[in-house]
Protein backbone atom coordinates (compact mmCIF):
# COMPACT_ATOMS: atom_id res chain seq x y z
CA MET A 1 42.20 141.63 167.62
CA LYS A 2 41.50 137.77 167.41
CA LYS A 3 38.48 138.81 165.66
CA ALA A 4 40.03 141.01 163.18
CA PHE A 5 42.77 138.29 162.64
CA THR A 6 40.12 135.84 162.11
CA LEU A 7 37.96 138.23 159.51
CA PHE A 8 41.48 138.90 157.92
CA SER A 9 42.29 134.83 157.15
CA VAL A 10 38.80 134.16 156.06
CA LEU A 11 39.21 136.98 153.69
CA ILE A 12 42.36 135.55 152.34
CA LEU A 13 40.98 132.03 151.90
CA LEU A 14 38.20 133.40 150.10
CA PHE A 15 40.39 135.34 147.93
CA ILE A 16 42.48 132.12 147.46
CA PHE A 17 39.31 130.13 146.62
CA SER A 18 38.00 132.44 144.19
CA ILE A 19 41.19 132.44 142.22
CA LEU A 20 41.20 128.74 142.02
CA ALA A 21 38.06 128.76 141.16
CA VAL A 22 38.45 130.96 137.85
CA LYS A 23 41.32 129.04 136.83
CA ILE A 24 39.52 125.84 137.08
CA TYR A 25 36.47 127.26 135.19
CA GLU A 26 39.33 128.47 132.76
CA THR A 27 40.95 125.47 131.89
CA LYS A 28 37.25 123.30 131.42
CA THR A 29 35.99 126.34 129.08
CA ILE A 30 39.82 125.78 126.91
CA ASN A 31 39.30 121.84 127.15
CA SER A 32 35.61 122.24 125.48
CA ILE A 33 36.65 124.66 122.96
CA ASN A 34 39.24 122.07 122.12
CA ILE A 35 37.10 119.30 121.80
CA VAL A 36 34.69 121.31 119.43
CA ASN A 37 37.55 122.28 117.20
CA LYS A 38 38.76 118.34 117.08
CA TYR A 39 35.29 117.70 116.00
CA LYS A 40 35.11 120.00 113.26
CA TYR A 41 38.67 119.25 112.17
CA ILE A 42 37.72 115.79 111.77
CA GLN A 43 34.45 116.40 110.09
CA ALA A 44 36.40 118.47 107.42
CA LYS A 45 38.79 115.73 106.96
CA ASN A 46 35.62 113.49 106.78
CA HIS A 47 34.52 115.50 103.97
CA LEU A 48 38.02 115.81 101.98
CA MET A 49 38.17 112.19 102.40
CA PHE A 50 34.56 111.76 100.49
CA LEU A 51 35.98 114.68 97.97
CA GLU A 52 38.92 112.62 97.40
CA GLU A 53 36.97 109.19 96.65
CA TYR A 54 34.54 111.02 94.55
CA VAL A 55 36.79 112.93 92.32
CA LYS A 56 38.99 109.66 91.82
CA SER A 57 35.41 107.90 90.69
CA LEU A 58 34.57 110.33 88.02
CA SER A 59 36.26 109.30 84.48
CA ASP A 60 36.48 112.33 82.43
CA TYR A 61 38.78 115.43 84.04
CA SER A 62 38.73 117.50 80.85
CA SER A 63 35.69 119.42 80.65
CA LEU A 64 35.89 119.86 84.18
CA GLU A 65 37.91 122.94 86.14
CA LYS A 66 36.19 123.42 89.11
CA LEU A 67 33.67 121.15 91.38
CA THR A 68 31.96 122.48 94.03
CA ILE A 69 29.61 120.73 96.63
CA ASP A 70 27.27 122.62 98.55
CA ASP A 71 26.90 122.33 102.16
CA GLU A 72 25.99 124.97 104.65
CA ASN A 73 29.04 124.19 107.23
CA TYR A 74 31.77 123.78 104.67
CA SER A 75 32.66 124.93 101.65
CA ILE A 76 34.14 121.98 99.51
CA ASN A 77 36.19 122.57 96.56
CA ALA A 78 38.26 120.62 93.76
CA TYR A 79 40.15 122.60 91.30
CA VAL A 80 41.47 120.66 88.03
CA GLN A 81 44.68 121.55 86.55
CA GLU A 82 45.69 119.67 83.08
CA GLU A 83 49.37 118.78 83.28
CA LEU A 84 51.29 116.85 80.40
CA ASN A 85 50.62 113.22 80.97
CA SER A 86 48.02 113.86 84.06
CA TYR A 87 45.67 115.79 86.16
CA LYS A 88 46.37 117.77 89.40
CA ILE A 89 43.49 118.33 91.46
CA GLU A 90 43.79 120.40 94.41
CA LEU A 91 41.11 119.73 97.13
CA ILE A 92 40.20 121.97 99.46
CA VAL A 93 37.55 121.86 102.28
CA LYS A 94 37.36 124.70 104.66
CA ALA A 95 34.71 125.42 107.52
CA ASN A 96 32.62 128.58 106.82
CA GLU A 97 32.55 130.01 110.22
CA ASP A 98 35.60 128.77 111.75
CA ASN A 99 39.39 129.05 110.98
CA ILE A 100 39.74 125.40 110.04
CA ARG A 101 40.77 124.55 106.40
CA VAL A 102 42.24 121.08 105.15
CA GLN A 103 43.86 120.30 101.60
CA ARG A 104 45.19 117.70 99.32
CA VAL A 105 46.82 117.93 96.33
CA ILE A 106 46.38 114.31 94.37
CA SER A 107 47.67 113.62 90.91
CA VAL A 108 45.32 111.55 88.42
CA SER A 109 46.80 110.05 84.96
CA LYS A 110 45.12 110.34 82.04
């Protein structure tokens, strides 16, 4: 009877520790995925800031409708719409392989 109880308690402890180990690995995996997504979001925001500076440095927007910058990981676009006294420019940066997209609308006077 003693051996059966010892074996049963060892199996219960082994089961509990295996469940705890799986939970720890799940938490670490989720944390690493979050870190990768944060990195990609920060990279997309950096591309957006660069695109904004580049678009503001241009002198003439009248002949420009769409501006595209080629990148293998991100789709970087700027769409220009002419309004009454200004140009409305929509800046969009989207990751090609992930679900990350940032955008900003700026207005530049004529």
